[in-house]
């Protein structure tokens, strides 16, 4: 299992976020800034994990309400 997959699985199990993020440590190159491509790969894994495809994209309508009902956002939410 890749570290990225471990992060996604931890999020799906609602594990402690600090423990989940520790799964990214192996992806961090020594003496370098954290590369953006790590997050691109994580996003791609997340889309694969949820079964999204070009033919059947992830429905964005109501996404926040379904997955983050406890979060309140302020500011330009619907811009």
PDB file of N, CA and C in Angstrom:
ATOM      1  N   UNK A   1       0.852  -1.186   0.000  1.00  0.00           N
ATOM      2  CA  UNK A   1       0.000   0.000   0.000  1.00  0.00           C
ATOM      3  C   UNK A   1       0.889   1.239   0.000  1.00  0.00           C
ATOM      4  N   UNK A   2       0.543   2.186  -0.860  1.00  0.00           N
ATOM      5  CA  UNK A   2       1.320   3.414  -0.912  1.00  0.00           C
ATOM      6  C   UNK A   2       0.940   4.317   0.257  1.00  0.00           C
ATOM      7  N   UNK A   3       1.814   5.260   0.550  1.00  0.00           N
ATOM      8  CA  UNK A   3       1.522   6.227   1.618  1.00  0.00           C
ATOM      9  C   UNK A   3       0.290   7.038   1.253  1.00  0.00           C
ATOM     10  N   UNK A   4       0.151   7.360  -0.033  1.00  0.00           N
ATOM     11  CA  UNK A   4      -1.031   8.126  -0.450  1.00  0.00           C
ATOM     12  C   UNK A   4      -2.296   7.334  -0.189  1.00  0.00           C
ATOM     13  N   UNK A   5      -2.273   6.058  -0.510  1.00  0.00           N
ATOM     14  CA  UNK A   5      -3.442   5.205  -0.286  1.00  0.00           C
ATOM     15  C   UNK A   5      -3.721   5.080   1.220  1.00  0.00           C
ATOM     16  N   UNK A   6      -2.662   5.009   2.011  1.00  0.00           N
ATOM     17  CA  UNK A   6      -2.833   4.938   3.459  1.00  0.00           C
ATOM     18  C   UNK A   6      -3.515   6.195   3.992  1.00  0.00           C
ATOM     19  N   UNK A   7      -3.165   7.360   3.422  1.00  0.00           N
ATOM     20  CA  UNK A   7      -3.803   8.615   3.819  1.00  0.00           C
ATOM     21  C   UNK A   7      -5.288   8.569   3.481  1.00  0.00           C
ATOM     22  N   UNK A   8      -5.622   8.157   2.262  1.00  0.00           N
ATOM     23  CA  UNK A   8      -7.028   8.091   1.855  1.00  0.00           C
ATOM     24  C   UNK A   8      -7.809   7.104   2.707  1.00  0.00           C
ATOM     25  N   UNK A   9      -7.222   5.947   2.967  1.00  0.00           N
ATOM     26  CA  UNK A   9      -7.905   4.961   3.793  1.00  0.00           C
ATOM     27  C   UNK A   9      -8.117   5.483   5.211  1.00  0.00           C
ATOM     28  N   UNK A  10      -7.117   6.186   5.754  1.00  0.00           N
ATOM     29  CA  UNK A  10      -7.247   6.766   7.082  1.00  0.00           C
ATOM     30  C   UNK A  10      -8.352   7.805   7.141  1.00  0.00           C
ATOM     31  N   UNK A  11      -8.447   8.629   6.099  1.00  0.00           N
ATOM     32  CA  UNK A  11      -9.518   9.623   6.047  1.00  0.00           C
ATOM     33  C   UNK A  11     -10.874   8.935   5.963  1.00  0.00           C
ATOM     34  N   UNK A  12     -10.958   7.861   5.194  1.00  0.00           N
ATOM     35  CA  UNK A  12     -12.219   7.142   5.050  1.00  0.00           C
ATOM     36  C   UNK A  12     -12.644   6.512   6.373  1.00  0.00           C
ATOM     37  N   UNK A  13     -11.669   6.093   7.192  1.00  0.00           N
ATOM     38  CA  UNK A  13     -11.980   5.502   8.503  1.00  0.00           C
ATOM     39  C   UNK A  13     -12.197   6.558   9.573  1.00  0.00           C
ATOM     40  N   UNK A  14     -12.004   7.834   9.220  1.00  0.00           N
ATOM     41  CA  UNK A  14     -12.126   8.946  10.168  1.00  0.00           C
ATOM     42  C   UNK A  14     -11.066   8.842  11.271  1.00  0.00           C
ATOM     43  N   UNK A  15      -9.864   8.395  10.890  1.00  0.00           N
ATOM     44  CA  UNK A  15      -8.742   8.328  11.829  1.00  0.00           C
ATOM     45  C   UNK A  15      -8.309   9.732  12.236  1.00  0.00           C
ATOM     46  N   UNK A  16      -7.528   9.815  13.294  1.00  0.00           N
ATOM     47  CA  UNK A  16      -6.976  11.091  13.739  1.00  0.00           C
ATOM     48  C   UNK A  16      -6.164  11.707  12.606  1.00  0.00           C
ATOM     49  N   UNK A  17      -6.409  12.985  12.316  1.00  0.00           N
ATOM     50  CA  UNK A  17      -5.780  13.632  11.153  1.00  0.00           C
ATOM     51  C   UNK A  17      -4.269  13.665  11.256  1.00  0.00           C
ATOM     52  N   UNK A  18      -3.711  13.837  12.452  1.00  0.00           N
ATOM     53  CA  UNK A  18      -2.246  13.856  12.587  1.00  0.00           C
ATOM     54  C   UNK A  18      -1.652  12.494  12.272  1.00  0.00           C
ATOM     55  N   UNK A  19      -2.340  11.434  12.647  1.00  0.00           N
ATOM     56  CA  UNK A  19      -1.873  10.091  12.296  1.00  0.00           C
ATOM     57  C   UNK A  19      -1.994   9.856  10.785  1.00  0.00           C
ATOM     58  N   UNK A  20      -3.070  10.347  10.218  1.00  0.00           N
ATOM     59  CA  UNK A  20      -3.276  10.194   8.768  1.00  0.00           C
ATOM     60  C   UNK A  20      -2.167  10.907   8.001  1.00  0.00           C
ATOM     61  N   UNK A  21      -1.868  12.133   8.409  1.00  0.00           N
ATOM     62  CA  UNK A  21      -0.846  12.907   7.702  1.00  0.00           C
ATOM     63  C   UNK A  21       0.546  12.317   7.845  1.00  0.00           C
ATOM     64  N   UNK A  22       0.768  11.546   8.892  1.00  0.00           N
ATOM     65  CA  UNK A  22       2.076  10.912   9.031  1.00  0.00           C
ATOM     66  C   UNK A  22       2.337   9.947   7.874  1.00  0.00           C
ATOM     67  N   UNK A  23       1.264   9.522   7.182  1.00  0.00           N
ATOM     68  CA  UNK A  23       1.430   8.675   6.005  1.00  0.00           C
ATOM     69  C   UNK A  23       2.089   9.392   4.841  1.00  0.00           C
ATOM     70  N   UNK A  24       2.131  10.727   4.891  1.00  0.00           N
ATOM     71  CA  UNK A  24       2.794  11.480   3.834  1.00  0.00           C
ATOM     72  C   UNK A  24       4.292  11.629   4.058  1.00  0.00           C
ATOM     73  N   UNK A  25       4.755  11.362   5.260  1.00  0.00           N
ATOM     74  CA  UNK A  25       6.178  11.548   5.583  1.00  0.00           C
ATOM     75  C   UNK A  25       7.101  10.803   4.618  1.00  0.00           C
ATOM     76  N   UNK A  26       6.816   9.551   4.268  1.00  0.00           N
ATOM     77  CA  UNK A  26       7.723   8.857   3.337  1.00  0.00           C
ATOM     78  C   UNK A  26       7.810   9.505   1.956  1.00  0.00           C
ATOM     79  N   UNK A  27       6.842  10.335   1.601  1.00  0.00           N
ATOM     80  CA  UNK A  27       6.841  10.976   0.292  1.00  0.00           C
ATOM     81  C   UNK A  27       7.646  12.265   0.258  1.00  0.00           C
ATOM     82  N   UNK A  28       8.042  12.761   1.418  1.00  0.00           N
ATOM     83  CA  UNK A  28       8.751  14.040   1.499  1.00  0.00           C
ATOM     84  C   UNK A  28      10.236  13.822   1.219  1.00  0.00           C
ATOM     85  N   UNK A  29      10.756  14.417   0.134  1.00  0.00           N
ATOM     86  CA  UNK A  29      12.180  14.242  -0.169  1.00  0.00           C
ATOM     87  C   UNK A  29      13.053  14.954   0.869  1.00  0.00           C
ATOM     88  N   UNK A  30      14.109  14.305   1.265  1.00  0.00           N
ATOM     89  CA  UNK A  30      15.023  14.866   2.265  1.00  0.00           C
ATOM     90  C   UNK A  30      15.691  16.134   1.718  1.00  0.00           C
ATOM     91  N   UNK A  31      15.787  17.163   2.554  1.00  0.00           N
ATOM     92  CA  UNK A  31      16.434  18.434   2.198  1.00  0.00           C
ATOM     93  C   UNK A  31      15.805  19.103   0.980  1.00  0.00           C
ATOM     94  N   UNK A  32      14.485  19.015   0.863  1.00  0.00           N
ATOM     95  CA  UNK A  32      13.795  19.609  -0.269  1.00  0.00           C
ATOM     96  C   UNK A  32      12.432  20.107   0.213  1.00  0.00           C
ATOM     97  N   UNK A  33      11.849  21.012  -0.540  1.00  0.00           N
ATOM     98  CA  UNK A  33      10.500  21.444  -0.203  1.00  0.00           C
ATOM     99  C   UNK A  33       9.527  20.337  -0.572  1.00  0.00           C
ATOM    100  N   UNK A  34       8.370  20.361   0.034  1.00  0.00           N
ATOM    101  CA  UNK A  34       7.381  19.319  -0.248  1.00  0.00           C
ATOM    102  C   UNK A  34       6.817  19.545  -1.643  1.00  0.00           C
ATOM    103  N   UNK A  35       6.951  18.588  -2.535  1.00  0.00           N
ATOM    104  CA  UNK A  35       6.561  18.799  -3.935  1.00  0.00           C
ATOM    105  C   UNK A  35       5.047  18.791  -4.134  1.00  0.00           C
ATOM    106  N   UNK A  36       4.595  19.713  -4.977  1.00  0.00           N
ATOM    107  CA  UNK A  36       3.179  19.784  -5.304  1.00  0.00           C
ATOM    108  C   UNK A  36       2.668  18.537  -5.986  1.00  0.00           C
ATOM    109  N   UNK A  37       3.543  17.834  -6.690  1.00  0.00           N
ATOM    110  CA  UNK A  37       3.082  16.633  -7.394  1.00  0.00           C
ATOM    111  C   UNK A  37       2.605  15.557  -6.432  1.00  0.00           C
ATOM    112  N   UNK A  38       3.088  15.578  -5.184  1.00  0.00           N
ATOM    113  CA  UNK A  38       2.594  14.622  -4.189  1.00  0.00           C
ATOM    114  C   UNK A  38       1.093  14.828  -3.993  1.00  0.00           C
ATOM    115  N   UNK A  39       0.674  16.101  -3.907  1.00  0.00           N
ATOM    116  CA  UNK A  39      -0.748  16.369  -3.722  1.00  0.00           C
ATOM    117  C   UNK A  39      -1.546  16.078  -4.985  1.00  0.00           C
ATOM    118  N   UNK A  40      -0.938  16.249  -6.161  1.00  0.00           N
ATOM    119  CA  UNK A  40      -1.619  15.866  -7.400  1.00  0.00           C
ATOM    120  C   UNK A  40      -1.851  14.357  -7.442  1.00  0.00           C
ATOM    121  N   UNK A  41      -0.845  13.593  -7.044  1.00  0.00           N
ATOM    122  CA  UNK A  41      -1.001  12.133  -7.003  1.00  0.00           C
ATOM    123  C   UNK A  41      -2.035  11.731  -5.955  1.00  0.00           C
ATOM    124  N   UNK A  42      -2.031  12.411  -4.809  1.00  0.00           N
ATOM    125  CA  UNK A  42      -3.018  12.132  -3.766  1.00  0.00           C
ATOM    126  C   UNK A  42      -4.424  12.414  -4.288  1.00  0.00           C
ATOM    127  N   UNK A  43      -4.592  13.525  -5.002  1.00  0.00           N
ATOM    128  CA  UNK A  43      -5.898  13.853  -5.575  1.00  0.00           C
ATOM    129  C   UNK A  43      -6.319  12.810  -6.606  1.00  0.00           C
ATOM    130  N   UNK A  44      -5.389  12.378  -7.437  1.00  0.00           N
ATOM    131  CA  UNK A  44      -5.701  11.348  -8.434  1.00  0.00           C
ATOM    132  C   UNK A  44      -6.104  10.048  -7.750  1.00  0.00           C
ATOM    133  N   UNK A  45      -5.387   9.676  -6.685  1.00  0.00           N
ATOM    134  CA  UNK A  45      -5.750   8.479  -5.931  1.00  0.00           C
ATOM    135  C   UNK A  45      -7.140   8.624  -5.312  1.00  0.00           C
ATOM    136  N   UNK A  46      -7.451   9.820  -4.809  1.00  0.00           N
ATOM    137  CA  UNK A  46      -8.765  10.053  -4.202  1.00  0.00           C
ATOM    138  C   UNK A  46      -9.872   9.894  -5.239  1.00  0.00           C
ATOM    139  N   UNK A  47      -9.652  10.426  -6.436  1.00  0.00           N
ATOM    140  CA  UNK A  47     -10.655  10.291  -7.489  1.00  0.00           C
ATOM    141  C   UNK A  47     -10.820   8.832  -7.909  1.00  0.00           C
ATOM    142  N   UNK A  48      -9.703   8.109  -7.988  1.00  0.00           N
ATOM    143  CA  UNK A  48      -9.782   6.682  -8.314  1.00  0.00           C
ATOM    144  C   UNK A  48     -10.510   5.927  -7.210  1.00  0.00           C
ATOM    145  N   UNK A  49     -10.192   6.251  -5.949  1.00  0.00           N
ATOM    146  CA  UNK A  49     -10.778   5.582  -4.789  1.00  0.00           C
ATOM    147  C   UNK A  49     -12.296   5.750  -4.762  1.00  0.00           C
ATOM    148  N   UNK A  50     -12.783   6.947  -5.148  1.00  0.00           N
ATOM    149  CA  UNK A  50     -14.228   7.179  -5.092  1.00  0.00           C
ATOM    150  C   UNK A  50     -14.936   6.726  -6.367  1.00  0.00           C
ATOM    151  N   UNK A  51     -14.182   6.210  -7.319  1.00  0.00           N
ATOM    152  CA  UNK A  51     -14.788   5.668  -8.526  1.00  0.00           C
ATOM    153  C   UNK A  51     -15.115   6.689  -9.591  1.00  0.00           C
ATOM    154  N   UNK A  52     -14.577   7.889  -9.463  1.00  0.00           N
ATOM    155  CA  UNK A  52     -14.849   8.928 -10.462  1.00  0.00           C
ATOM    156  C   UNK A  52     -14.087   8.632 -11.747  1.00  0.00           C
ATOM    157  N   UNK A  53     -14.680   9.017 -12.852  1.00  0.00           N
ATOM    158  CA  UNK A  53     -14.035   8.866 -14.156  1.00  0.00           C
ATOM    159  C   UNK A  53     -14.546   9.979 -15.063  1.00  0.00           C
ATOM    160  N   UNK A  54     -13.987  10.067 -16.259  1.00  0.00           N
ATOM    161  CA  UNK A  54     -14.493  11.058 -17.207  1.00  0.00           C
ATOM    162  C   UNK A  54     -15.938  10.736 -17.580  1.00  0.00           C
ATOM    163  N   UNK A  55     -16.242   9.467 -17.676  1.00  0.00           N
ATOM    164  CA  UNK A  55     -17.602   9.057 -18.027  1.00  0.00           C
ATOM    165  C   UNK A  55     -18.576   9.283 -16.870  1.00  0.00           C
ATOM    166  N   UNK A  56     -18.103   9.102 -15.636  1.00  0.00           N
ATOM    167  CA  UNK A  56     -18.934   9.290 -14.449  1.00  0.00           C
ATOM    168  C   UNK A  56     -18.177  10.152 -13.443  1.00  0.00           C
ATOM    169  N   UNK A  57     -18.173  11.481 -13.667  1.00  0.00           N
ATOM    170  CA  UNK A  57     -17.429  12.367 -12.764  1.00  0.00           C
ATOM    171  C   UNK A  57     -18.066  12.448 -11.377  1.00  0.00           C
ATOM    172  N   UNK A  58     -17.277  12.871 -10.421  1.00  0.00           N
ATOM    173  CA  UNK A  58     -17.742  13.067  -9.054  1.00  0.00           C
ATOM    174  C   UNK A  58     -18.755  14.214  -9.034  1.00  0.00           C
ATOM    175  N   UNK A  59     -19.917  13.975  -8.465  1.00  0.00           N
ATOM    176  CA  UNK A  59     -20.938  15.022  -8.364  1.00  0.00           C
ATOM    177  C   UNK A  59     -20.502  16.033  -7.306  1.00  0.00           C
ATOM    178  N   UNK A  60     -20.317  17.282  -7.716  1.00  0.00           N
ATOM    179  CA  UNK A  60     -19.857  18.314  -6.784  1.00  0.00           C
ATOM    180  C   UNK A  60     -20.997  18.958  -6.011  1.00  0.00           C
ATOM    181  N   UNK A  61     -22.183  18.900  -6.543  1.00  0.00           N
ATOM    182  CA  UNK A  61     -23.333  19.491  -5.866  1.00  0.00           C
ATOM    183  C   UNK A  61     -23.561  18.787  -4.530  1.00  0.00           C
ATOM    184  N   UNK A  62     -23.578  19.559  -3.462  1.00  0.00           N
ATOM    185  CA  UNK A  62     -23.811  19.019  -2.121  1.00  0.00           C
ATOM    186  C   UNK A  62     -22.622  18.303  -1.507  1.00  0.00           C
ATOM    187  N   UNK A  63     -21.458  18.406  -2.137  1.00  0.00           N
ATOM    188  CA  UNK A  63     -20.268  17.703  -1.661  1.00  0.00           C
ATOM    189  C   UNK A  63     -19.902  18.113  -0.238  1.00  0.00           C
ATOM    190  N   UNK A  64     -19.879  19.419   0.025  1.00  0.00           N
ATOM    191  CA  UNK A  64     -19.536  19.886   1.362  1.00  0.00           C
ATOM    192  C   UNK A  64     -20.538  19.378   2.385  1.00  0.00           C
ATOM    193  N   UNK A  65     -21.815  19.446   2.079  1.00  0.00           N
ATOM    194  CA  UNK A  65     -22.846  19.020   3.012  1.00  0.00           C
ATOM    195  C   UNK A  65     -22.743  17.527   3.321  1.00  0.00           C
ATOM    196  N   UNK A  66     -22.362  16.728   2.315  1.00  0.00           N
ATOM    197  CA  UNK A  66     -22.254  15.282   2.519  1.00  0.00           C
ATOM    198  C   UNK A  66     -21.035  14.893   3.336  1.00  0.00           C
ATOM    199  N   UNK A  67     -19.903  15.561   3.066  1.00  0.00           N
ATOM    200  CA  UNK A  67     -18.657  15.106   3.668  1.00  0.00           C
ATOM    201  C   UNK A  67     -18.123  16.003   4.774  1.00  0.00           C
ATOM    202  N   UNK A  68     -18.577  17.262   4.843  1.00  0.00           N
ATOM    203  CA  UNK A  68     -18.109  18.177   5.884  1.00  0.00           C
ATOM    204  C   UNK A  68     -19.281  18.908   6.538  1.00  0.00           C
ATOM    205  N   UNK A  69     -20.288  18.173   6.999  1.00  0.00           N
ATOM    206  CA  UNK A  69     -21.468  18.847   7.550  1.00  0.00           C
ATOM    207  C   UNK A  69     -21.166  19.662   8.800  1.00  0.00           C
ATOM    208  N   UNK A  70     -20.112  19.299   9.511  1.00  0.00           N
ATOM    209  CA  UNK A  70     -19.772  19.995  10.748  1.00  0.00           C
ATOM    210  C   UNK A  70     -18.985  21.283  10.526  1.00  0.00           C
ATOM    211  N   UNK A  71     -18.564  21.538   9.306  1.00  0.00           N
ATOM    212  CA  UNK A  71     -17.742  22.713   9.013  1.00  0.00           C
ATOM    213  C   UNK A  71     -18.602  23.880   8.551  1.00  0.00           C
ATOM    214  N   UNK A  72     -18.311  25.026   9.121  1.00  0.00           N
ATOM    215  CA  UNK A  72     -18.972  26.267   8.710  1.00  0.00           C
ATOM    216  C   UNK A  72     -17.944  27.125   7.979  1.00  0.00           C
ATOM    217  N   UNK A  73     -18.310  27.605   6.815  1.00  0.00           N
ATOM    218  CA  UNK A  73     -17.404  28.432   6.023  1.00  0.00           C
ATOM    219  C   UNK A  73     -17.925  29.859   6.000  1.00  0.00           C
ATOM    220  N   UNK A  74     -16.997  30.795   5.930  1.00  0.00           N
ATOM    221  CA  UNK A  74     -17.370  32.215   5.855  1.00  0.00           C
ATOM    222  C   UNK A  74     -16.709  32.815   4.633  1.00  0.00           C
ATOM    223  N   UNK A  75     -17.206  33.979   4.258  1.00  0.00           N
ATOM    224  CA  UNK A  75     -16.598  34.677   3.137  1.00  0.00           C
ATOM    225  C   UNK A  75     -17.229  34.320   1.822  1.00  0.00           C
ATOM    226  N   UNK A  76     -16.434  34.317   0.778  1.00  0.00           N
ATOM    227  CA  UNK A  76     -16.926  34.102  -0.580  1.00  0.00           C
ATOM    228  C   UNK A  76     -17.135  32.615  -0.832  1.00  0.00           C
ATOM    229  N   UNK A  77     -18.185  32.081  -0.303  1.00  0.00           N
ATOM    230  CA  UNK A  77     -18.465  30.655  -0.431  1.00  0.00           C
ATOM    231  C   UNK A  77     -19.051  30.284  -1.786  1.00  0.00           C
ATOM    232  N   UNK A  78     -19.916  31.130  -2.291  1.00  0.00           N
ATOM    233  CA  UNK A  78     -20.656  30.781  -3.498  1.00  0.00           C
ATOM    234  C   UNK A  78     -20.273  31.643  -4.681  1.00  0.00           C
ATOM    235  N   UNK A  79     -19.037  32.139  -4.686  1.00  0.00           N
ATOM    236  CA  UNK A  79     -18.600  33.029  -5.764  1.00  0.00           C
ATOM    237  C   UNK A  79     -18.275  32.255  -7.011  1.00  0.00           C
TER     238      UNK A  79
END
